Amino acid sequence: MSAFSEKLDAAGVASILARVAERRPRVHCLTNTVAQNVTANMLLAFGAMPSMAGHPDEVAAVAAGAGAILINLGTISPEGERAIPKLLAVAQEHRIPLVLDPVFVELSPLRLRLVGDVLASFDVLVRGNATEMAVLEPLFVPKRDIVRVTTGAVDRIETEGRSLSVAHGHAWMTKVTGLGCASSALVAACRAVEPDPMIAAAAALTAYGIAGEIAAERATGPGSFAMHLIDALAGLDEAALAARMS
C-alpha cells in the first residue's frame, strides 16, 4: 500500500506541547544508564515528569501510574531483562503506551530477542536509527501497524498507509551522549497526551529538532550545546516553532 504523507503545522505541535505542560505526564524510563541524567533533564524541560526505577520487584508498581513507558536497551542488565516482562504486563493491564528504543540491536542476539518480546505488546512505537531499524524490518513485516520512527538527518515516521517526515535538528545532536535516547523519552511524553502515535512522534521530534537549531545558534561547541538545548526546549512556543516550520 502506498503511504499517505501527512504534515504537522506549528499550531498542532504547540497544542501537543501545551498538553504536556498542562498534564505533566510521567514517563517511566527503563533506560540507558549513560543517558539517564540527560533524559530526565530533557523530560523536565519539556514539561513532563521522569521516573527511572528499574528494580524488577518494584518496576511494575512504579510504572503503573505512568502516562507512557520507555524501554531503552542501551545498557541492558540482568535486572533490566527481568524488569521488561513486568513492564509489558503493566502496560497491557493499564493500557499504557510503550516506546521502544532498540539501541545496538544489531550487535546482540539478546537485544533482538527482547525487541521481539516488546513488539508482541498491544501499543508499541519503535524509535531507532537507520541501522537498528533495518535489522528489525523482518520483525515489522507481520505487524505493519506498528509505528516505526527512523531518526537521522530527516526523521521518518511510518505505519501502514501513513508517513510523516521531520527535517529539523543540528549535527551537534549526534555529538553529545544520550541525546538520541532522550528523543525517545520526548516521543513518549507526547504519546502520553496524544492518542495518535504518528502525530505524537512528529510533534516531539519537531520540537526537539527546532530546539537543537536554536541551541546551536547560542553554543560554541557540543559541551555548551547540551546546556543550551535544555534551555531552548524549555522555552519553545508556537512563534518559535512557526518561524522554523514555514
C-alpha atoms as a PDB file:
ATOM      1  CA  MET A   1       0.000   0.000   0.000  1.00  0.00           C
ATOM      2  CA  SER A   2       1.332   3.443  -0.831  1.00  0.00           C
ATOM      3  CA  ALA A   3       1.786   5.737   2.137  1.00  0.00           C
ATOM      4  CA  PHE A   4      -0.261   8.867   2.636  1.00  0.00           C
ATOM      5  CA  SER A   5       2.180  11.645   3.509  1.00  0.00           C
ATOM      6  CA  GLU A   6       0.912  13.957   6.232  1.00  0.00           C
ATOM      7  CA  LYS A   7       2.150  17.278   7.548  1.00  0.00           C
ATOM      8  CA  LEU A   8       2.018  18.773  11.033  1.00  0.00           C
ATOM      9  CA  ASP A   9       1.929  22.547  11.427  1.00  0.00           C
ATOM     10  CA  ALA A  10       3.245  24.788  14.210  1.00  0.00           C
ATOM     11  CA  ALA A  11      -0.162  25.132  15.843  1.00  0.00           C
ATOM     12  CA  GLY A  12      -0.507  21.349  16.005  1.00  0.00           C
ATOM     13  CA  VAL A  13       2.906  20.910  17.600  1.00  0.00           C
ATOM     14  CA  ALA A  14       2.273  23.760  20.041  1.00  0.00           C
ATOM     15  CA  SER A  15      -1.059  22.223  21.053  1.00  0.00           C
ATOM     16  CA  ILE A  16       0.616  18.939  22.000  1.00  0.00           C
ATOM     17  CA  LEU A  17       3.400  20.727  23.884  1.00  0.00           C
ATOM     18  CA  ALA A  18       0.760  22.695  25.789  1.00  0.00           C
ATOM     19  CA  ARG A  19      -0.980  19.469  26.778  1.00  0.00           C
ATOM     20  CA  VAL A  20       2.303  18.045  28.042  1.00  0.00           C
ATOM     21  CA  ALA A  21       2.924  21.189  30.094  1.00  0.00           C
ATOM     22  CA  GLU A  22      -0.612  21.181  31.469  1.00  0.00           C
ATOM     23  CA  ARG A  23      -0.898  17.486  32.327  1.00  0.00           C
ATOM     24  CA  ARG A  24       2.750  16.873  33.257  1.00  0.00           C
ATOM     25  CA  PRO A  25       2.612  13.182  32.326  1.00  0.00           C
ATOM     26  CA  ARG A  26       5.074  10.877  33.995  1.00  0.00           C
ATOM     27  CA  VAL A  27       7.249   8.878  31.625  1.00  0.00           C
ATOM     28  CA  HIS A  28       8.657   5.752  33.191  1.00  0.00           C
ATOM     29  CA  CYS A  29      12.078   5.095  31.693  1.00  0.00           C
ATOM     30  CA  LEU A  30      13.861   1.774  31.820  1.00  0.00           C
ATOM     31  CA  THR A  31      16.760   3.311  30.023  1.00  0.00           C
ATOM     32  CA  ASN A  32      20.429   3.503  29.220  1.00  0.00           C
ATOM     33  CA  THR A  33      22.443   4.307  32.348  1.00  0.00           C
ATOM     34  CA  VAL A  34      24.620   6.599  30.225  1.00  0.00           C
ATOM     35  CA  ALA A  35      21.539   8.603  29.240  1.00  0.00           C
ATOM     36  CA  GLN A  36      19.523   8.711  32.462  1.00  0.00           C
ATOM     37  CA  ASN A  37      20.554  12.199  33.547  1.00  0.00           C
ATOM     38  CA  VAL A  38      20.102  13.895  30.190  1.00  0.00           C
ATOM     39  CA  THR A  39      16.829  12.032  29.617  1.00  0.00           C
ATOM     40  CA  ALA A  40      15.442  13.202  32.958  1.00  0.00           C
ATOM     41  CA  ASN A  41      16.518  16.797  32.304  1.00  0.00           C
ATOM     42  CA  MET A  42      15.017  16.850  28.813  1.00  0.00           C
ATOM     43  CA  LEU A  43      11.716  15.475  30.109  1.00  0.00           C
ATOM     44  CA  LEU A  44      11.598  18.133  32.818  1.00  0.00           C
ATOM     45  CA  ALA A  45      12.399  20.895  30.320  1.00  0.00           C
ATOM     46  CA  PHE A  46       9.599  19.535  28.138  1.00  0.00           C
ATOM     47  CA  GLY A  47       7.119  19.753  30.995  1.00  0.00           C
ATOM     48  CA  ALA A  48       6.903  16.030  31.720  1.00  0.00           C
ATOM     49  CA  MET A  49       7.993  14.049  34.786  1.00  0.00           C
ATOM     50  CA  PRO A  50      10.601  11.273  34.656  1.00  0.00           C
ATOM     51  CA  SER A  51      10.749   8.123  36.752  1.00  0.00           C
ATOM     52  CA  MET A  52      13.655   5.701  36.411  1.00  0.00           C
ATOM     53  CA  ALA A  53      13.002   2.750  38.719  1.00  0.00           C
ATOM     54  CA  GLY A  54      14.451  -0.446  37.277  1.00  0.00           C
ATOM     55  CA  HIS A  55      14.387  -3.000  40.079  1.00  0.00           C
ATOM     56  CA  PRO A  56      12.271  -5.965  38.961  1.00  0.00           C
ATOM     57  CA  ASP A  57      10.491  -6.115  42.324  1.00  0.00           C
ATOM     58  CA  GLU A  58       9.158  -2.560  42.126  1.00  0.00           C
ATOM     59  CA  VAL A  59       9.124  -1.593  38.475  1.00  0.00           C
ATOM     60  CA  ALA A  60       5.506  -2.628  37.887  1.00  0.00           C
ATOM     61  CA  ALA A  61       4.245  -0.668  40.886  1.00  0.00           C
ATOM     62  CA  VAL A  62       6.144   2.459  39.880  1.00  0.00           C
ATOM     63  CA  ALA A  63       5.189   2.266  36.209  1.00  0.00           C
ATOM     64  CA  ALA A  64       1.502   1.547  36.831  1.00  0.00           C
ATOM     65  CA  GLY A  65       0.627   5.229  37.150  1.00  0.00           C
ATOM     66  CA  ALA A  66       2.769   6.485  34.280  1.00  0.00           C
ATOM     67  CA  GLY A  67       1.401   8.139  31.177  1.00  0.00           C
ATOM     68  CA  ALA A  68       3.850   6.265  28.949  1.00  0.00           C
ATOM     69  CA  ILE A  69       6.679   3.750  29.304  1.00  0.00           C
ATOM     70  CA  LEU A  70      10.060   3.908  27.589  1.00  0.00           C
ATOM     71  CA  ILE A  71      12.160   0.762  27.202  1.00  0.00           C
ATOM     72  CA  ASN A  72      15.702   1.542  26.064  1.00  0.00           C
ATOM     73  CA  LEU A  73      18.133  -1.356  25.587  1.00  0.00           C
ATOM     74  CA  GLY A  74      21.322   0.711  25.610  1.00  0.00           C
ATOM     75  CA  THR A  75      22.912  -0.779  28.726  1.00  0.00           C
ATOM     76  CA  ILE A  76      20.636  -3.753  29.320  1.00  0.00           C
ATOM     77  CA  SER A  77      21.419  -5.640  32.536  1.00  0.00           C
ATOM     78  CA  PRO A  78      20.154  -8.892  34.060  1.00  0.00           C
ATOM     79  CA  GLU A  79      17.825  -6.849  36.266  1.00  0.00           C
ATOM     80  CA  GLY A  80      16.626  -4.891  33.270  1.00  0.00           C
ATOM     81  CA  GLU A  81      15.978  -8.097  31.358  1.00  0.00           C
ATOM     82  CA  ARG A  82      13.815  -9.338  34.239  1.00  0.00           C
ATOM     83  CA  ALA A  83      12.045  -5.986  34.523  1.00  0.00           C
ATOM     84  CA  ILE A  84      10.913  -5.846  30.891  1.00  0.00           C
ATOM     85  CA  PRO A  85       8.205  -8.563  31.127  1.00  0.00           C
ATOM     86  CA  LYS A  86       6.799  -6.792  34.189  1.00  0.00           C
ATOM     87  CA  LEU A  87       6.675  -3.501  32.333  1.00  0.00           C
ATOM     88  CA  LEU A  88       4.952  -5.175  29.391  1.00  0.00           C
ATOM     89  CA  ALA A  89       2.385  -6.713  31.719  1.00  0.00           C
ATOM     90  CA  VAL A  90       1.597  -3.431  33.475  1.00  0.00           C
ATOM     91  CA  ALA A  91       1.382  -1.621  30.143  1.00  0.00           C
ATOM     92  CA  GLN A  92      -1.122  -4.213  28.936  1.00  0.00           C
ATOM     93  CA  GLU A  93      -3.156  -4.106  32.134  1.00  0.00           C
ATOM     94  CA  HIS A  94      -3.337  -0.324  32.368  1.00  0.00           C
ATOM     95  CA  ARG A  95      -3.306   0.398  28.602  1.00  0.00           C
ATOM     96  CA  ILE A  96      -0.131   2.453  28.860  1.00  0.00           C
ATOM     97  CA  PRO A  97       1.557   3.236  25.533  1.00  0.00           C
ATOM     98  CA  LEU A  98       5.094   1.926  25.045  1.00  0.00           C
ATOM     99  CA  VAL A  99       8.072   3.439  23.255  1.00  0.00           C
ATOM    100  CA  LEU A 100      10.944   1.093  22.415  1.00  0.00           C
ATOM    101  CA  ASP A 101      14.481   2.305  21.692  1.00  0.00           C
ATOM    102  CA  PRO A 102      16.358  -0.750  20.320  1.00  0.00           C
ATOM    103  CA  VAL A 103      19.874   0.571  20.905  1.00  0.00           C
ATOM    104  CA  PHE A 104      22.544  -1.540  19.138  1.00  0.00           C
ATOM    105  CA  VAL A 105      20.053  -4.320  18.434  1.00  0.00           C
ATOM    106  CA  GLU A 106      22.282  -5.347  15.526  1.00  0.00           C
ATOM    107  CA  LEU A 107      25.089  -6.327  17.937  1.00  0.00           C
ATOM    108  CA  SER A 108      23.397  -8.811  20.245  1.00  0.00           C
ATOM    109  CA  PRO A 109      21.007 -11.780  19.972  1.00  0.00           C
ATOM    110  CA  LEU A 110      19.784 -10.910  23.473  1.00  0.00           C
ATOM    111  CA  ARG A 111      18.700  -7.466  22.327  1.00  0.00           C
ATOM    112  CA  LEU A 112      16.967  -8.889  19.277  1.00  0.00           C
ATOM    113  CA  ARG A 113      15.052 -11.359  21.451  1.00  0.00           C
ATOM    114  CA  LEU A 114      13.983  -8.614  23.849  1.00  0.00           C
ATOM    115  CA  VAL A 115      12.774  -6.476  20.955  1.00  0.00           C
ATOM    116  CA  GLY A 116      10.635  -9.385  19.784  1.00  0.00           C
ATOM    117  CA  ASP A 117       9.116  -9.634  23.253  1.00  0.00           C
ATOM    118  CA  VAL A 118       8.258  -5.927  23.306  1.00  0.00           C
ATOM    119  CA  LEU A 119       6.813  -5.953  19.782  1.00  0.00           C
ATOM    120  CA  ALA A 120       4.290  -8.558  20.906  1.00  0.00           C
ATOM    121  CA  SER A 121       2.657  -5.933  23.141  1.00  0.00           C
ATOM    122  CA  PHE A 122      -0.509  -4.092  22.187  1.00  0.00           C
ATOM    123  CA  ASP A 123       0.630  -0.492  21.691  1.00  0.00           C
ATOM    124  CA  VAL A 124       4.269  -0.019  20.720  1.00  0.00           C
ATOM    125  CA  LEU A 125       6.119   2.750  18.921  1.00  0.00           C
ATOM    126  CA  VAL A 126       9.718   1.974  17.904  1.00  0.00           C
ATOM    127  CA  ARG A 127      12.328   4.717  17.520  1.00  0.00           C
ATOM    128  CA  GLY A 128      15.772   3.811  16.221  1.00  0.00           C
ATOM    129  CA  ASN A 129      18.468   4.841  13.802  1.00  0.00           C
ATOM    130  CA  ALA A 130      18.635   3.528  10.249  1.00  0.00           C
ATOM    131  CA  THR A 131      20.904   0.575  11.125  1.00  0.00           C
ATOM    132  CA  GLU A 132      18.730  -0.571  14.009  1.00  0.00           C
ATOM    133  CA  MET A 133      15.504  -0.239  12.059  1.00  0.00           C
ATOM    134  CA  ALA A 134      16.886  -2.143   9.079  1.00  0.00           C
ATOM    135  CA  VAL A 135      17.752  -5.079  11.337  1.00  0.00           C
ATOM    136  CA  LEU A 136      14.218  -5.062  12.719  1.00  0.00           C
ATOM    137  CA  GLU A 137      12.460  -4.918   9.361  1.00  0.00           C
ATOM    138  CA  PRO A 138      11.711  -8.690   9.279  1.00  0.00           C
ATOM    139  CA  LEU A 139      10.007  -8.363  12.674  1.00  0.00           C
ATOM    140  CA  PHE A 140       7.868  -5.499  11.397  1.00  0.00           C
ATOM    141  CA  VAL A 141       6.541  -7.408   8.367  1.00  0.00           C
ATOM    142  CA  PRO A 142       3.706  -9.195  10.202  1.00  0.00           C
ATOM    143  CA  LYS A 143       2.985  -6.113  12.320  1.00  0.00           C
ATOM    144  CA  ARG A 144       2.741  -3.283   9.799  1.00  0.00           C
ATOM    145  CA  ASP A 145       0.514  -1.271  12.146  1.00  0.00           C
ATOM    146  CA  ILE A 146       3.451  -0.612  14.488  1.00  0.00           C
ATOM    147  CA  VAL A 147       4.627   2.977  14.260  1.00  0.00           C
ATOM    148  CA  ARG A 148       8.248   2.984  13.135  1.00  0.00           C
ATOM    149  CA  VAL A 149      10.340   6.107  13.715  1.00  0.00           C
ATOM    150  CA  THR A 150      13.701   6.181  11.962  1.00  0.00           C
ATOM    151  CA  THR A 151      15.757   9.159  13.056  1.00  0.00           C
ATOM    152  CA  GLY A 152      18.561  10.763  11.072  1.00  0.00           C
ATOM    153  CA  ALA A 153      19.142  13.902   9.046  1.00  0.00           C
ATOM    154  CA  VAL A 154      15.471  13.561   8.123  1.00  0.00           C
ATOM    155  CA  ASP A 155      13.310  11.659  10.585  1.00  0.00           C
ATOM    156  CA  ARG A 156      10.818   9.243   9.026  1.00  0.00           C
ATOM    157  CA  ILE A 157       7.651   8.254  10.866  1.00  0.00           C
ATOM    158  CA  GLU A 158       5.751   5.415   9.216  1.00  0.00           C
ATOM    159  CA  THR A 159       2.990   2.922   9.690  1.00  0.00           C
ATOM    160  CA  GLU A 160       0.743   1.045   7.278  1.00  0.00           C
ATOM    161  CA  GLY A 161      -0.603   3.568   4.783  1.00  0.00           C
ATOM    162  CA  ARG A 162       0.741   6.683   6.539  1.00  0.00           C
ATOM    163  CA  SER A 163       4.001   8.600   6.672  1.00  0.00           C
ATOM    164  CA  LEU A 164       5.406  11.798   8.132  1.00  0.00           C
ATOM    165  CA  SER A 165       8.848  13.344   7.936  1.00  0.00           C
ATOM    166  CA  VAL A 166      10.672  15.831  10.152  1.00  0.00           C
ATOM    167  CA  ALA A 167      13.703  17.720   8.861  1.00  0.00           C
ATOM    168  CA  HIS A 168      14.862  19.701  11.886  1.00  0.00           C
ATOM    169  CA  GLY A 169      17.911  19.407  14.124  1.00  0.00           C
ATOM    170  CA  HIS A 170      21.637  20.050  14.161  1.00  0.00           C
ATOM    171  CA  ALA A 171      24.756  17.909  13.720  1.00  0.00           C
ATOM    172  CA  TRP A 172      25.796  18.527  17.334  1.00  0.00           C
ATOM    173  CA  MET A 173      22.835  16.422  18.433  1.00  0.00           C
ATOM    174  CA  THR A 174      24.932  13.415  17.387  1.00  0.00           C
ATOM    175  CA  LYS A 175      27.972  14.619  19.357  1.00  0.00           C
ATOM    176  CA  VAL A 176      26.544  14.510  22.880  1.00  0.00           C
ATOM    177  CA  THR A 177      25.956  11.176  24.615  1.00  0.00           C
ATOM    178  CA  GLY A 178      22.335  10.401  25.342  1.00  0.00           C
ATOM    179  CA  LEU A 179      20.569  12.939  23.146  1.00  0.00           C
ATOM    180  CA  GLY A 180      19.179  10.259  20.834  1.00  0.00           C
ATOM    181  CA  CYS A 181      17.939   8.284  23.812  1.00  0.00           C
ATOM    182  CA  ALA A 182      16.364  11.453  25.213  1.00  0.00           C
ATOM    183  CA  SER A 183      14.426  11.946  21.983  1.00  0.00           C
ATOM    184  CA  SER A 184      12.673   8.621  22.577  1.00  0.00           C
ATOM    185  CA  ALA A 185      11.592   9.848  26.007  1.00  0.00           C
ATOM    186  CA  LEU A 186      10.164  13.038  24.494  1.00  0.00           C
ATOM    187  CA  VAL A 187       8.229  10.937  21.990  1.00  0.00           C
ATOM    188  CA  ALA A 188       6.842   9.001  24.972  1.00  0.00           C
ATOM    189  CA  ALA A 189       5.853  12.254  26.716  1.00  0.00           C
ATOM    190  CA  CYS A 190       3.890  13.384  23.673  1.00  0.00           C
ATOM    191  CA  ARG A 191       2.367   9.925  23.286  1.00  0.00           C
ATOM    192  CA  ALA A 192       1.082  10.187  26.857  1.00  0.00           C
ATOM    193  CA  VAL A 193      -1.160  13.123  25.860  1.00  0.00           C
ATOM    194  CA  GLU A 194      -1.753  12.451  22.154  1.00  0.00           C
ATOM    195  CA  PRO A 195      -3.734   9.363  21.107  1.00  0.00           C
ATOM    196  CA  ASP A 196      -2.330   9.305  17.571  1.00  0.00           C
ATOM    197  CA  PRO A 197       1.216   7.888  17.873  1.00  0.00           C
ATOM    198  CA  MET A 198       2.242   9.235  14.458  1.00  0.00           C
ATOM    199  CA  ILE A 199       1.313  12.785  15.424  1.00  0.00           C
ATOM    200  CA  ALA A 200       2.874  12.388  18.871  1.00  0.00           C
ATOM    201  CA  ALA A 201       6.203  11.298  17.395  1.00  0.00           C
ATOM    202  CA  ALA A 202       6.197  14.047  14.785  1.00  0.00           C
ATOM    203  CA  ALA A 203       5.446  16.713  17.387  1.00  0.00           C
ATOM    204  CA  ALA A 204       8.185  15.525  19.737  1.00  0.00           C
ATOM    205  CA  LEU A 205      10.842  15.290  17.032  1.00  0.00           C
ATOM    206  CA  THR A 206       9.875  18.627  15.518  1.00  0.00           C
ATOM    207  CA  ALA A 207      10.112  20.372  18.876  1.00  0.00           C
ATOM    208  CA  TYR A 208      13.388  18.650  19.750  1.00  0.00           C
ATOM    209  CA  GLY A 209      14.916  19.377  16.356  1.00  0.00           C
ATOM    210  CA  ILE A 210      13.960  23.044  16.446  1.00  0.00           C
ATOM    211  CA  ALA A 211      15.300  23.334  19.982  1.00  0.00           C
ATOM    212  CA  GLY A 212      18.535  21.865  18.623  1.00  0.00           C
ATOM    213  CA  GLU A 213      18.686  24.502  15.903  1.00  0.00           C
ATOM    214  CA  ILE A 214      18.142  27.287  18.431  1.00  0.00           C
ATOM    215  CA  ALA A 215      20.718  25.825  20.830  1.00  0.00           C
ATOM    216  CA  ALA A 216      23.336  25.611  18.078  1.00  0.00           C
ATOM    217  CA  GLU A 217      22.993  29.328  17.434  1.00  0.00           C
ATOM    218  CA  ARG A 218      23.779  30.056  21.080  1.00  0.00           C
ATOM    219  CA  ALA A 219      26.504  27.450  21.688  1.00  0.00           C
ATOM    220  CA  THR A 220      30.206  27.359  20.840  1.00  0.00           C
ATOM    221  CA  GLY A 221      30.562  23.573  20.714  1.00  0.00           C
ATOM    222  CA  PRO A 222      28.964  20.292  21.795  1.00  0.00           C
ATOM    223  CA  GLY A 223      29.532  20.897  25.518  1.00  0.00           C
ATOM    224  CA  SER A 224      27.717  24.213  25.693  1.00  0.00           C
ATOM    225  CA  PHE A 225      25.212  22.931  23.132  1.00  0.00           C
ATOM    226  CA  ALA A 226      23.831  20.398  25.613  1.00  0.00           C
ATOM    227  CA  MET A 227      23.159  23.151  28.153  1.00  0.00           C
ATOM    228  CA  HIS A 228      21.537  25.433  25.593  1.00  0.00           C
ATOM    229  CA  LEU A 229      19.418  22.568  24.269  1.00  0.00           C
ATOM    230  CA  ILE A 230      17.704  22.185  27.635  1.00  0.00           C
ATOM    231  CA  ASP A 231      17.037  25.928  27.765  1.00  0.00           C
ATOM    232  CA  ALA A 232      15.765  26.032  24.180  1.00  0.00           C
ATOM    233  CA  LEU A 233      13.442  23.089  24.750  1.00  0.00           C
ATOM    234  CA  ALA A 234      12.018  24.686  27.874  1.00  0.00           C
ATOM    235  CA  GLY A 235      11.431  27.983  26.067  1.00  0.00           C
ATOM    236  CA  LEU A 236       9.730  26.749  22.896  1.00  0.00           C
ATOM    237  CA  ASP A 237       6.468  28.401  21.934  1.00  0.00           C
ATOM    238  CA  GLU A 238       4.265  28.489  18.857  1.00  0.00           C
ATOM    239  CA  ALA A 239       6.011  31.571  17.457  1.00  0.00           C
ATOM    240  CA  ALA A 240       9.433  29.915  17.636  1.00  0.00           C
ATOM    241  CA  LEU A 241       8.033  26.781  16.015  1.00  0.00           C
ATOM    242  CA  ALA A 242       6.283  28.704  13.250  1.00  0.00           C
ATOM    243  CA  ALA A 243       9.405  30.698  12.405  1.00  0.00           C
ATOM    244  CA  ARG A 244      11.273  27.494  11.553  1.00  0.00           C
ATOM    245  CA  MET A 245       8.458  25.325  10.187  1.00  0.00           C
ATOM    246  CA  SER A 246       7.399  27.700   7.398  1.00  0.00           C
END
